[in-house]
Amino acid sequence: MSAATRARSERHVLCDLLDEVGPEAPTLCAGWTTSHLAAHLLIRERRPSTAPGLMLGGPFARHTSRVLERVRVRTPYPDLVERVRTGPPAVTRPLDGSMNLVEYFVHHEDVRRAVDGWSPRTGLGDLDDLLWERQGRATRFLIRRLDDVDLTLARPDGDEKHIGGGAVSATLTGEPCELVLFLVGRRDHAVVEVTGDHRAVAELRTGPLAL
């Protein structure tokens, strides 16, 4: 399965879940309900002026927050979800896989894992493989603020990728889906094992991961 096909699949199952749980359900995104998440996904694809605020602080982030809240309040929740479901605009549709595979997988889990009794999904081998292929430069970017951690990622089947980055070593072991969730900040809700130098392990568990 291609990245674009899998991104579309995650988009649709997330939208189904958003419809099911309604606008006030919790998410793993601090301070956000499902209505905030739906508005975020919509403006991310359809309001280019909000893009800087998704990565930067200050006035950029404040602008993005204002637009998100305006869209959330003014758009009925079912319409929000349906507009997300329709996919990206034609101009960015060729980039759907590269732009949205991780985004929609992570946000799907943000809703699934925000309630008690969750468990990892099964049968995600193709998604795991796609996400494993992407580990490398993106991971180095995410761990760039950690203090002197030399990171190795490992799958349970023994496959490893040495990411590098510092002098004290740690290994993060788990299925690629779980590794991604850990590295984008969902550390308390990712099924992984962290081993290695105690300083590196502590830093990996509590240090600043940066999108």
N, C-alpha and C. Protein backbone atom coordinates (compact mmCIF):
# COMPACT_ATOMS: atom_id res chain seq x y z
N MET A 1 0.85 -1.20 0.00
CA MET A 1 0.00 0.00 0.00
C MET A 1 0.88 1.25 0.00
N SER A 2 0.53 2.22 -0.83
CA SER A 2 1.32 3.44 -0.90
C SER A 2 1.04 4.34 0.29
N ALA A 3 1.95 5.30 0.51
CA ALA A 3 1.76 6.26 1.60
C ALA A 3 0.48 7.07 1.40
N ALA A 4 0.19 7.44 0.15
CA ALA A 4 -1.01 8.24 -0.11
C ALA A 4 -2.28 7.43 0.19
N THR A 5 -2.28 6.16 -0.21
CA THR A 5 -3.44 5.32 0.06
C THR A 5 -3.64 5.12 1.55
N ARG A 6 -2.54 4.90 2.26
CA ARG A 6 -2.65 4.69 3.71
C ARG A 6 -3.06 5.98 4.41
N ALA A 7 -2.57 7.12 3.94
CA ALA A 7 -2.97 8.41 4.52
C ALA A 7 -4.48 8.61 4.35
N ARG A 8 -4.99 8.27 3.19
CA ARG A 8 -6.44 8.40 2.96
C ARG A 8 -7.21 7.46 3.89
N SER A 9 -6.69 6.26 4.08
CA SER A 9 -7.35 5.32 4.97
C SER A 9 -7.41 5.85 6.40
N GLU A 10 -6.27 6.38 6.89
CA GLU A 10 -6.25 6.94 8.24
C GLU A 10 -7.18 8.14 8.36
N ARG A 11 -7.24 8.95 7.32
CA ARG A 11 -8.14 10.10 7.32
C ARG A 11 -9.59 9.63 7.52
N HIS A 12 -9.98 8.61 6.76
CA HIS A 12 -11.38 8.19 6.81
C HIS A 12 -11.73 7.50 8.12
N VAL A 13 -10.83 6.67 8.64
CA VAL A 13 -11.17 6.03 9.92
C VAL A 13 -11.16 7.05 11.05
N LEU A 14 -10.30 8.06 10.97
CA LEU A 14 -10.34 9.12 11.97
C LEU A 14 -11.65 9.87 11.89
N CYS A 15 -12.09 10.22 10.68
CA CYS A 15 -13.35 10.96 10.54
C CYS A 15 -14.53 10.12 11.03
N ASP A 16 -14.50 8.83 10.76
CA ASP A 16 -15.55 7.96 11.29
C ASP A 16 -15.57 8.03 12.82
N LEU A 17 -14.39 8.00 13.43
CA LEU A 17 -14.31 8.06 14.88
C LEU A 17 -14.77 9.42 15.41
N LEU A 18 -14.39 10.49 14.72
CA LEU A 18 -14.84 11.82 15.13
C LEU A 18 -16.36 11.92 15.08
N ASP A 19 -16.96 11.38 14.04
CA ASP A 19 -18.42 11.35 13.98
C ASP A 19 -19.01 10.55 15.14
N GLU A 20 -18.38 9.46 15.46
CA GLU A 20 -18.90 8.56 16.49
C GLU A 20 -18.85 9.20 17.88
N VAL A 21 -17.73 9.85 18.20
CA VAL A 21 -17.55 10.33 19.59
C VAL A 21 -18.11 11.73 19.81
N GLY A 22 -18.32 12.50 18.74
CA GLY A 22 -18.88 13.83 18.88
C GLY A 22 -17.84 14.90 19.17
N PRO A 23 -18.29 16.17 19.29
CA PRO A 23 -17.36 17.30 19.35
C PRO A 23 -16.68 17.54 20.68
N GLU A 24 -17.15 16.94 21.76
CA GLU A 24 -16.61 17.24 23.08
C GLU A 24 -15.76 16.12 23.66
N ALA A 25 -15.40 15.15 22.86
CA ALA A 25 -14.59 14.03 23.36
C ALA A 25 -13.16 14.49 23.60
N PRO A 26 -12.46 13.85 24.55
CA PRO A 26 -11.08 14.26 24.84
C PRO A 26 -10.12 13.78 23.75
N THR A 27 -8.98 14.43 23.71
CA THR A 27 -7.88 14.01 22.84
C THR A 27 -6.59 14.08 23.66
N LEU A 28 -5.51 13.57 23.08
CA LEU A 28 -4.20 13.68 23.73
C LEU A 28 -3.54 15.03 23.48
N CYS A 29 -4.15 15.89 22.69
CA CYS A 29 -3.63 17.23 22.44
C CYS A 29 -4.10 18.13 23.58
N ALA A 30 -3.16 18.64 24.34
CA ALA A 30 -3.49 19.36 25.56
C ALA A 30 -4.47 20.50 25.30
N GLY A 31 -5.59 20.48 26.01
CA GLY A 31 -6.58 21.55 25.91
C GLY A 31 -7.54 21.42 24.75
N TRP A 32 -7.39 20.38 23.95
CA TRP A 32 -8.24 20.23 22.77
C TRP A 32 -9.25 19.11 22.94
N THR A 33 -10.49 19.40 22.56
CA THR A 33 -11.49 18.36 22.34
C THR A 33 -11.43 17.96 20.87
N THR A 34 -12.31 17.04 20.51
CA THR A 34 -12.35 16.60 19.12
C THR A 34 -12.77 17.71 18.17
N SER A 35 -13.53 18.68 18.64
CA SER A 35 -13.88 19.79 17.75
C SER A 35 -12.66 20.65 17.43
N HIS A 36 -11.78 20.86 18.41
CA HIS A 36 -10.54 21.58 18.14
C HIS A 36 -9.68 20.81 17.13
N LEU A 37 -9.62 19.49 17.31
CA LEU A 37 -8.79 18.69 16.42
C LEU A 37 -9.32 18.73 15.00
N ALA A 38 -10.62 18.63 14.83
CA ALA A 38 -11.20 18.70 13.49
C ALA A 38 -10.92 20.05 12.84
N ALA A 39 -11.06 21.13 13.61
CA ALA A 39 -10.78 22.46 13.07
C ALA A 39 -9.30 22.59 12.70
N HIS A 40 -8.42 22.04 13.53
CA HIS A 40 -6.99 22.06 13.22
C HIS A 40 -6.70 21.37 11.90
N LEU A 41 -7.26 20.20 11.69
CA LEU A 41 -7.01 19.45 10.46
C LEU A 41 -7.53 20.22 9.25
N LEU A 42 -8.65 20.89 9.42
CA LEU A 42 -9.22 21.63 8.30
C LEU A 42 -8.36 22.83 7.93
N ILE A 43 -7.98 23.66 8.91
CA ILE A 43 -7.22 24.87 8.57
C ILE A 43 -5.80 24.51 8.14
N ARG A 44 -5.26 23.42 8.64
CA ARG A 44 -3.93 23.00 8.22
C ARG A 44 -3.86 22.79 6.71
N GLU A 45 -4.95 22.27 6.14
CA GLU A 45 -4.96 21.99 4.70
C GLU A 45 -5.54 23.12 3.86
N ARG A 46 -6.36 23.97 4.46
CA ARG A 46 -7.11 24.92 3.65
C ARG A 46 -6.89 26.39 4.00
N ARG A 47 -6.09 26.66 5.01
CA ARG A 47 -5.78 28.04 5.36
C ARG A 47 -4.26 28.22 5.41
N PRO A 48 -3.62 28.49 4.26
CA PRO A 48 -2.16 28.57 4.23
C PRO A 48 -1.58 29.59 5.20
N SER A 49 -2.33 30.63 5.53
CA SER A 49 -1.80 31.67 6.42
C SER A 49 -1.54 31.13 7.82
N THR A 50 -2.12 29.99 8.15
CA THR A 50 -1.93 29.43 9.49
C THR A 50 -0.70 28.54 9.58
N ALA A 51 -0.07 28.23 8.44
CA ALA A 51 1.05 27.28 8.45
C ALA A 51 2.20 27.71 9.36
N PRO A 52 2.66 28.97 9.31
CA PRO A 52 3.77 29.33 10.21
C PRO A 52 3.45 29.13 11.67
N GLY A 53 2.21 29.34 12.06
CA GLY A 53 1.84 29.19 13.45
C GLY A 53 1.82 27.77 13.94
N LEU A 54 1.83 26.81 13.02
CA LEU A 54 1.88 25.41 13.42
C LEU A 54 3.28 25.00 13.84
N MET A 55 4.28 25.79 13.45
CA MET A 55 5.67 25.46 13.77
C MET A 55 6.35 26.49 14.66
N LEU A 56 5.85 27.72 14.62
CA LEU A 56 6.52 28.83 15.31
C LEU A 56 5.64 29.37 16.42
N GLY A 57 6.24 30.07 17.34
CA GLY A 57 5.49 30.68 18.43
C GLY A 57 5.12 32.12 18.11
N GLY A 58 4.87 32.88 19.17
CA GLY A 58 4.64 34.31 19.03
C GLY A 58 3.40 34.64 18.23
N PRO A 59 3.46 35.73 17.44
CA PRO A 59 2.28 36.19 16.71
C PRO A 59 1.78 35.18 15.69
N PHE A 60 2.67 34.34 15.13
CA PHE A 60 2.23 33.33 14.17
C PHE A 60 1.29 32.34 14.84
N ALA A 61 1.70 31.85 16.00
CA ALA A 61 0.86 30.89 16.71
C ALA A 61 -0.44 31.52 17.18
N ARG A 62 -0.39 32.78 17.59
CA ARG A 62 -1.61 33.44 18.04
C ARG A 62 -2.60 33.59 16.88
N HIS A 63 -2.08 33.93 15.70
CA HIS A 63 -2.95 34.02 14.53
C HIS A 63 -3.60 32.67 14.22
N THR A 64 -2.79 31.61 14.25
CA THR A 64 -3.32 30.28 13.97
C THR A 64 -4.39 29.90 14.99
N SER A 65 -4.16 30.20 16.25
CA SER A 65 -5.14 29.88 17.30
C SER A 65 -6.44 30.64 17.08
N ARG A 66 -6.33 31.91 16.67
CA ARG A 66 -7.55 32.69 16.43
C ARG A 66 -8.35 32.11 15.26
N VAL A 67 -7.66 31.75 14.19
CA VAL A 67 -8.35 31.18 13.03
C VAL A 67 -8.99 29.85 13.40
N LEU A 68 -8.26 29.02 14.11
CA LEU A 68 -8.80 27.72 14.52
C LEU A 68 -10.07 27.90 15.33
N GLU A 69 -10.03 28.79 16.31
CA GLU A 69 -11.20 28.97 17.17
C GLU A 69 -12.38 29.54 16.39
N ARG A 70 -12.10 30.46 15.48
CA ARG A 70 -13.18 31.03 14.67
C ARG A 70 -13.84 29.95 13.81
N VAL A 71 -13.02 29.12 13.17
CA VAL A 71 -13.56 28.04 12.34
C VAL A 71 -14.32 27.03 13.19
N ARG A 72 -13.78 26.71 14.35
CA ARG A 72 -14.43 25.73 15.23
C ARG A 72 -15.79 26.20 15.69
N VAL A 73 -15.89 27.47 16.06
CA VAL A 73 -17.14 28.00 16.60
C VAL A 73 -18.18 28.21 15.50
N ARG A 74 -17.72 28.65 14.34
CA ARG A 74 -18.67 29.05 13.28
C ARG A 74 -19.10 27.89 12.39
N THR A 75 -18.38 26.78 12.40
CA THR A 75 -18.71 25.68 11.51
C THR A 75 -19.34 24.55 12.31
N PRO A 76 -20.54 24.12 11.95
CA PRO A 76 -21.14 22.98 12.66
C PRO A 76 -20.20 21.78 12.62
N TYR A 77 -20.13 21.08 13.74
CA TYR A 77 -19.17 19.98 13.85
C TYR A 77 -19.31 18.94 12.74
N PRO A 78 -20.51 18.50 12.39
CA PRO A 78 -20.60 17.51 11.30
C PRO A 78 -20.02 18.05 9.99
N ASP A 79 -20.18 19.36 9.74
CA ASP A 79 -19.61 19.94 8.53
C ASP A 79 -18.09 19.98 8.60
N LEU A 80 -17.54 20.28 9.78
CA LEU A 80 -16.10 20.26 9.97
C LEU A 80 -15.54 18.89 9.59
N VAL A 81 -16.14 17.86 10.17
CA VAL A 81 -15.64 16.51 9.93
C VAL A 81 -15.78 16.13 8.47
N GLU A 82 -16.89 16.48 7.85
CA GLU A 82 -17.10 16.12 6.45
C GLU A 82 -16.11 16.83 5.54
N ARG A 83 -15.79 18.07 5.85
CA ARG A 83 -14.80 18.78 5.03
C ARG A 83 -13.42 18.18 5.18
N VAL A 84 -13.08 17.73 6.38
CA VAL A 84 -11.81 17.02 6.56
C VAL A 84 -11.83 15.72 5.76
N ARG A 85 -12.94 15.01 5.79
CA ARG A 85 -13.05 13.73 5.11
C ARG A 85 -12.84 13.86 3.59
N THR A 86 -13.23 14.99 3.02
CA THR A 86 -13.12 15.14 1.56
C THR A 86 -11.69 15.20 1.07
N GLY A 87 -10.75 15.42 1.96
CA GLY A 87 -9.35 15.39 1.56
C GLY A 87 -8.79 16.76 1.26
N PRO A 88 -7.50 16.80 0.94
CA PRO A 88 -6.83 18.09 0.71
C PRO A 88 -7.28 18.73 -0.60
N PRO A 89 -7.04 20.04 -0.74
CA PRO A 89 -7.34 20.70 -2.01
C PRO A 89 -6.55 20.07 -3.15
N ALA A 90 -7.03 20.27 -4.36
CA ALA A 90 -6.40 19.64 -5.53
C ALA A 90 -4.93 20.00 -5.66
N VAL A 91 -4.57 21.22 -5.27
CA VAL A 91 -3.20 21.67 -5.46
C VAL A 91 -2.22 20.89 -4.61
N THR A 92 -2.66 20.42 -3.44
CA THR A 92 -1.75 19.67 -2.57
C THR A 92 -2.04 18.17 -2.54
N ARG A 93 -3.04 17.74 -3.30
CA ARG A 93 -3.40 16.32 -3.26
C ARG A 93 -2.25 15.39 -3.67
N PRO A 94 -1.40 15.78 -4.63
CA PRO A 94 -0.27 14.89 -4.96
C PRO A 94 0.69 14.68 -3.79
N LEU A 95 0.63 15.55 -2.78
CA LEU A 95 1.52 15.43 -1.62
C LEU A 95 0.83 14.78 -0.42
N ASP A 96 -0.34 14.20 -0.66
CA ASP A 96 -1.14 13.69 0.46
C ASP A 96 -0.35 12.69 1.30
N GLY A 97 0.36 11.78 0.67
CA GLY A 97 1.10 10.77 1.42
C GLY A 97 2.19 11.36 2.27
N SER A 98 3.01 12.21 1.67
CA SER A 98 4.14 12.77 2.41
C SER A 98 3.70 13.75 3.48
N MET A 99 2.63 14.50 3.23
CA MET A 99 2.16 15.49 4.19
C MET A 99 1.31 14.90 5.31
N ASN A 100 0.57 13.85 5.02
CA ASN A 100 -0.53 13.49 5.90
C ASN A 100 -0.47 12.08 6.50
N LEU A 101 0.44 11.25 6.08
CA LEU A 101 0.48 9.90 6.63
C LEU A 101 0.68 9.93 8.14
N VAL A 102 1.73 10.61 8.60
CA VAL A 102 2.00 10.69 10.03
C VAL A 102 0.93 11.52 10.74
N GLU A 103 0.53 12.62 10.13
CA GLU A 103 -0.44 13.53 10.75
C GLU A 103 -1.73 12.80 11.11
N TYR A 104 -2.27 12.06 10.17
CA TYR A 104 -3.56 11.44 10.41
C TYR A 104 -3.44 10.19 11.27
N PHE A 105 -2.35 9.46 11.16
CA PHE A 105 -2.15 8.34 12.08
C PHE A 105 -2.07 8.85 13.52
N VAL A 106 -1.25 9.87 13.76
CA VAL A 106 -1.06 10.36 15.13
C VAL A 106 -2.37 10.91 15.68
N HIS A 107 -3.08 11.70 14.90
CA HIS A 107 -4.31 12.29 15.43
C HIS A 107 -5.42 11.24 15.61
N HIS A 108 -5.42 10.21 14.79
CA HIS A 108 -6.34 9.10 15.02
C HIS A 108 -6.08 8.49 16.40
N GLU A 109 -4.81 8.26 16.71
CA GLU A 109 -4.47 7.71 18.01
C GLU A 109 -4.70 8.72 19.14
N ASP A 110 -4.59 10.02 18.83
CA ASP A 110 -4.89 11.03 19.85
C ASP A 110 -6.33 10.91 20.36
N VAL A 111 -7.23 10.48 19.50
CA VAL A 111 -8.61 10.28 19.93
C VAL A 111 -8.79 8.89 20.55
N ARG A 112 -8.23 7.88 19.92
CA ARG A 112 -8.39 6.51 20.41
C ARG A 112 -7.82 6.35 21.82
N ARG A 113 -6.64 6.95 22.06
CA ARG A 113 -5.91 6.67 23.30
C ARG A 113 -6.19 7.68 24.42
N ALA A 114 -7.13 8.57 24.18
CA ALA A 114 -7.46 9.57 25.21
C ALA A 114 -8.47 9.07 26.21
N VAL A 115 -8.93 7.84 26.05
CA VAL A 115 -9.92 7.27 26.96
C VAL A 115 -9.36 6.01 27.59
N ASP A 116 -9.90 5.65 28.75
CA ASP A 116 -9.46 4.43 29.42
C ASP A 116 -9.80 3.20 28.59
N GLY A 117 -8.95 2.17 28.73
CA GLY A 117 -9.25 0.90 28.09
C GLY A 117 -8.75 0.77 26.67
N TRP A 118 -7.97 1.74 26.19
CA TRP A 118 -7.47 1.64 24.82
C TRP A 118 -6.40 0.55 24.74
N SER A 119 -6.22 0.07 23.53
CA SER A 119 -5.13 -0.86 23.25
C SER A 119 -4.64 -0.59 21.84
N PRO A 120 -3.39 -0.93 21.55
CA PRO A 120 -2.87 -0.69 20.19
C PRO A 120 -3.69 -1.45 19.16
N ARG A 121 -3.85 -0.86 18.00
CA ARG A 121 -4.51 -1.57 16.91
C ARG A 121 -3.62 -2.70 16.41
N THR A 122 -4.24 -3.71 15.83
CA THR A 122 -3.50 -4.81 15.23
C THR A 122 -3.63 -4.74 13.71
N GLY A 123 -2.81 -5.52 13.04
CA GLY A 123 -2.89 -5.59 11.58
C GLY A 123 -2.38 -4.34 10.89
N LEU A 124 -1.41 -3.67 11.48
CA LEU A 124 -0.87 -2.43 10.91
C LEU A 124 0.50 -2.64 10.25
N GLY A 125 0.75 -3.85 9.77
CA GLY A 125 2.07 -4.13 9.22
C GLY A 125 2.49 -3.21 8.10
N ASP A 126 1.57 -2.91 7.19
CA ASP A 126 1.92 -2.03 6.07
C ASP A 126 2.19 -0.61 6.57
N LEU A 127 1.40 -0.14 7.54
CA LEU A 127 1.63 1.18 8.10
C LEU A 127 2.95 1.21 8.86
N ASP A 128 3.22 0.17 9.64
CA ASP A 128 4.51 0.09 10.34
C ASP A 128 5.66 0.18 9.36
N ASP A 129 5.57 -0.53 8.25
CA ASP A 129 6.66 -0.52 7.27
C ASP A 129 6.84 0.87 6.66
N LEU A 130 5.74 1.52 6.34
CA LEU A 130 5.82 2.87 5.77
C LEU A 130 6.45 3.85 6.76
N LEU A 131 6.06 3.75 8.01
CA LEU A 131 6.61 4.66 9.02
C LEU A 131 8.07 4.34 9.32
N TRP A 132 8.44 3.08 9.27
CA TRP A 132 9.83 2.71 9.50
C TRP A 132 10.74 3.28 8.41
N GLU A 133 10.26 3.27 7.18
CA GLU A 133 11.03 3.83 6.07
C GLU A 133 11.34 5.31 6.29
N ARG A 134 10.48 6.00 7.02
CA ARG A 134 10.63 7.43 7.21
C ARG A 134 11.53 7.80 8.39
N GLN A 135 11.94 6.81 9.18
CA GLN A 135 12.79 7.12 10.32
C GLN A 135 14.19 7.48 9.82
N GLY A 136 14.72 8.55 10.32
CA GLY A 136 16.02 9.03 9.89
C GLY A 136 16.12 10.52 10.13
N ARG A 137 16.07 11.28 9.05
CA ARG A 137 16.20 12.73 9.18
C ARG A 137 15.09 13.32 10.05
N ALA A 138 13.87 12.82 9.87
CA ALA A 138 12.77 13.36 10.67
C ALA A 138 12.98 13.09 12.15
N THR A 139 13.50 11.90 12.47
CA THR A 139 13.76 11.58 13.87
C THR A 139 14.87 12.46 14.44
N ARG A 140 15.92 12.68 13.66
CA ARG A 140 17.00 13.56 14.13
C ARG A 140 16.47 14.95 14.42
N PHE A 141 15.52 15.41 13.62
CA PHE A 141 14.92 16.73 13.87
C PHE A 141 14.14 16.72 15.18
N LEU A 142 13.40 15.65 15.44
CA LEU A 142 12.57 15.60 16.64
C LEU A 142 13.39 15.53 17.92
N ILE A 143 14.58 14.93 17.85
CA ILE A 143 15.38 14.76 19.07
C ILE A 143 16.48 15.80 19.19
N ARG A 144 16.45 16.81 18.35
CA ARG A 144 17.58 17.74 18.27
C ARG A 144 17.82 18.50 19.57
N ARG A 145 16.80 18.66 20.42
CA ARG A 145 16.96 19.40 21.66
C ARG A 145 17.32 18.52 22.85
N LEU A 146 17.36 17.22 22.65
CA LEU A 146 17.76 16.34 23.74
C LEU A 146 19.24 16.53 24.03
N ASP A 147 19.62 16.33 25.27
CA ASP A 147 20.98 16.60 25.71
C ASP A 147 21.88 15.40 25.50
N ASP A 148 22.62 15.39 24.37
CA ASP A 148 23.72 14.46 24.15
C ASP A 148 23.29 13.00 24.04
N VAL A 149 22.06 12.74 23.52
CA VAL A 149 21.56 11.37 23.40
C VAL A 149 21.93 10.79 22.04
N ASP A 150 22.58 9.64 22.05
CA ASP A 150 22.86 8.88 20.84
C ASP A 150 21.79 7.80 20.73
N LEU A 151 20.87 7.98 19.78
CA LEU A 151 19.65 7.17 19.75
C LEU A 151 19.72 6.08 18.70
N THR A 152 19.28 4.89 19.09
CA THR A 152 19.04 3.80 18.15
C THR A 152 17.57 3.40 18.26
N LEU A 153 16.91 3.27 17.11
CA LEU A 153 15.54 2.77 17.07
C LEU A 153 15.59 1.29 16.72
N ALA A 154 14.75 0.50 17.36
CA ALA A 154 14.74 -0.94 17.12
C ALA A 154 13.31 -1.45 17.02
N ARG A 155 13.08 -2.32 16.04
CA ARG A 155 11.81 -3.02 15.93
C ARG A 155 11.90 -4.32 16.73
N PRO A 156 10.78 -4.84 17.17
CA PRO A 156 10.82 -6.11 17.91
C PRO A 156 11.41 -7.26 17.12
N ASP A 157 11.38 -7.19 15.78
CA ASP A 157 11.95 -8.27 14.97
C ASP A 157 13.47 -8.18 14.86
N GLY A 158 14.07 -7.15 15.48
CA GLY A 158 15.52 -7.02 15.50
C GLY A 158 16.08 -6.00 14.54
N ASP A 159 15.29 -5.50 13.61
CA ASP A 159 15.76 -4.47 12.69
C ASP A 159 16.05 -3.19 13.47
N GLU A 160 17.17 -2.53 13.15
CA GLU A 160 17.58 -1.33 13.89
C GLU A 160 17.97 -0.21 12.93
N LYS A 161 17.83 1.01 13.44
CA LYS A 161 18.34 2.20 12.75
C LYS A 161 19.07 3.06 13.77
N HIS A 162 20.32 3.36 13.47
CA HIS A 162 21.08 4.23 14.34
C HIS A 162 20.84 5.67 13.91
N ILE A 163 20.26 6.45 14.79
CA ILE A 163 19.92 7.84 14.47
C ILE A 163 21.07 8.77 14.83
N GLY A 164 21.81 8.43 15.88
CA GLY A 164 22.93 9.29 16.29
C GLY A 164 22.47 10.44 17.16
N GLY A 165 23.35 11.42 17.30
CA GLY A 165 22.97 12.64 17.98
C GLY A 165 23.75 13.00 19.21
N GLY A 166 24.52 12.09 19.84
CA GLY A 166 25.21 12.48 21.05
C GLY A 166 26.16 11.43 21.56
N ALA A 167 26.57 11.57 22.83
CA ALA A 167 27.61 10.73 23.40
C ALA A 167 27.09 9.63 24.30
N VAL A 168 25.88 9.78 24.86
CA VAL A 168 25.34 8.74 25.74
C VAL A 168 24.21 8.02 25.00
N SER A 169 24.23 6.69 25.06
CA SER A 169 23.41 5.89 24.15
C SER A 169 22.12 5.40 24.81
N ALA A 170 21.08 5.37 24.00
CA ALA A 170 19.82 4.77 24.40
C ALA A 170 19.19 4.11 23.18
N THR A 171 18.43 3.05 23.45
CA THR A 171 17.70 2.36 22.39
C THR A 171 16.21 2.41 22.70
N LEU A 172 15.45 2.80 21.71
CA LEU A 172 14.00 2.87 21.81
C LEU A 172 13.44 1.74 20.97
N THR A 173 12.77 0.79 21.63
CA THR A 173 12.29 -0.42 20.95
C THR A 173 10.78 -0.45 20.94
N GLY A 174 10.22 -0.75 19.78
CA GLY A 174 8.78 -0.87 19.65
C GLY A 174 8.40 -0.98 18.19
N GLU A 175 7.14 -1.27 17.94
CA GLU A 175 6.67 -1.24 16.55
C GLU A 175 6.78 0.20 16.04
N PRO A 176 7.05 0.38 14.74
CA PRO A 176 7.24 1.74 14.22
C PRO A 176 6.11 2.70 14.55
N CYS A 177 4.86 2.24 14.54
CA CYS A 177 3.76 3.13 14.93
C CYS A 177 3.94 3.66 16.34
N GLU A 178 4.38 2.79 17.24
CA GLU A 178 4.57 3.19 18.63
C GLU A 178 5.78 4.12 18.76
N LEU A 179 6.83 3.86 18.00
CA LEU A 179 8.00 4.74 18.03
C LEU A 179 7.62 6.15 17.60
N VAL A 180 6.82 6.25 16.54
CA VAL A 180 6.40 7.57 16.06
C VAL A 180 5.61 8.30 17.14
N LEU A 181 4.68 7.61 17.77
CA LEU A 181 3.89 8.26 18.82
C LEU A 181 4.78 8.76 19.95
N PHE A 182 5.75 7.95 20.35
CA PHE A 182 6.67 8.38 21.41
C PHE A 182 7.43 9.62 20.98
N LEU A 183 7.96 9.60 19.77
CA LEU A 183 8.86 10.68 19.32
C LEU A 183 8.13 11.99 19.04
N VAL A 184 6.82 11.94 18.79
CA VAL A 184 6.08 13.19 18.60
C VAL A 184 5.42 13.65 19.90
N GLY A 185 5.83 13.04 21.02
CA GLY A 185 5.42 13.58 22.31
C GLY A 185 4.32 12.84 23.04
N ARG A 186 3.84 11.72 22.48
CA ARG A 186 2.81 10.93 23.17
C ARG A 186 3.49 9.83 23.99
N ARG A 187 4.47 10.23 24.78
CA ARG A 187 5.32 9.25 25.44
C ARG A 187 4.57 8.37 26.43
N ASP A 188 3.59 8.93 27.13
CA ASP A 188 2.86 8.17 28.14
C ASP A 188 1.83 7.23 27.52
N HIS A 189 1.63 7.33 26.21
CA HIS A 189 0.62 6.51 25.54
C HIS A 189 1.22 5.69 24.41
N ALA A 190 2.52 5.49 24.43
CA ALA A 190 3.19 4.69 23.42
C ALA A 190 3.75 3.43 24.05
N VAL A 191 3.58 2.32 23.37
CA VAL A 191 4.02 1.02 23.88
C VAL A 191 5.45 0.78 23.39
N VAL A 192 6.42 1.22 24.18
CA VAL A 192 7.83 1.12 23.81
C VAL A 192 8.64 0.70 25.03
N GLU A 193 9.88 0.32 24.77
CA GLU A 193 10.85 0.05 25.83
C GLU A 193 12.05 0.94 25.59
N VAL A 194 12.54 1.59 26.64
CA VAL A 194 13.71 2.46 26.55
C VAL A 194 14.82 1.85 27.39
N THR A 195 15.96 1.58 26.76
CA THR A 195 17.09 0.97 27.46
C THR A 195 18.36 1.75 27.12
N GLY A 196 19.39 1.55 27.95
CA GLY A 196 20.68 2.18 27.67
C GLY A 196 21.23 2.91 28.87
N ASP A 197 22.16 3.84 28.62
CA ASP A 197 22.75 4.67 29.66
C ASP A 197 21.64 5.38 30.44
N HIS A 198 21.72 5.36 31.77
CA HIS A 198 20.62 5.91 32.57
C HIS A 198 20.38 7.38 32.28
N ARG A 199 21.45 8.13 31.96
CA ARG A 199 21.26 9.55 31.64
C ARG A 199 20.50 9.71 30.33
N ALA A 200 20.86 8.88 29.35
CA ALA A 200 20.19 8.96 28.06
C ALA A 200 18.74 8.51 28.17
N VAL A 201 18.49 7.47 28.96
CA VAL A 201 17.12 6.99 29.15
C VAL A 201 16.26 8.07 29.79
N ALA A 202 16.79 8.71 30.83
CA ALA A 202 16.04 9.77 31.51
C ALA A 202 15.77 10.94 30.57
N GLU A 203 16.76 11.31 29.78
CA GLU A 203 16.60 12.42 28.85
C GLU A 203 15.56 12.08 27.78
N LEU A 204 15.61 10.85 27.29
CA LEU A 204 14.67 10.45 26.26
C LEU A 204 13.23 10.41 26.80
N ARG A 205 13.09 10.05 28.06
CA ARG A 205 11.76 9.98 28.65
C ARG A 205 11.20 11.33 29.07
N THR A 206 12.06 12.29 29.38
CA THR A 206 11.57 13.55 29.94
C THR A 206 12.07 14.80 29.22
N GLY A 207 13.07 14.66 28.37
CA GLY A 207 13.65 15.83 27.71
C GLY A 207 12.74 16.39 26.62
N PRO A 208 13.12 17.55 26.08
CA PRO A 208 12.27 18.22 25.10
C PRO A 208 12.34 17.58 23.71
N LEU A 209 11.24 16.99 23.28
CA LEU A 209 11.08 16.55 21.91
C LEU A 209 10.42 17.68 21.15
N ALA A 210 10.89 17.93 19.93
CA ALA A 210 10.49 19.17 19.26
C ALA A 210 9.96 18.89 17.87
N LEU A 211 8.72 19.32 17.63
CA LEU A 211 8.18 19.29 16.27
C LEU A 211 8.68 20.50 15.51
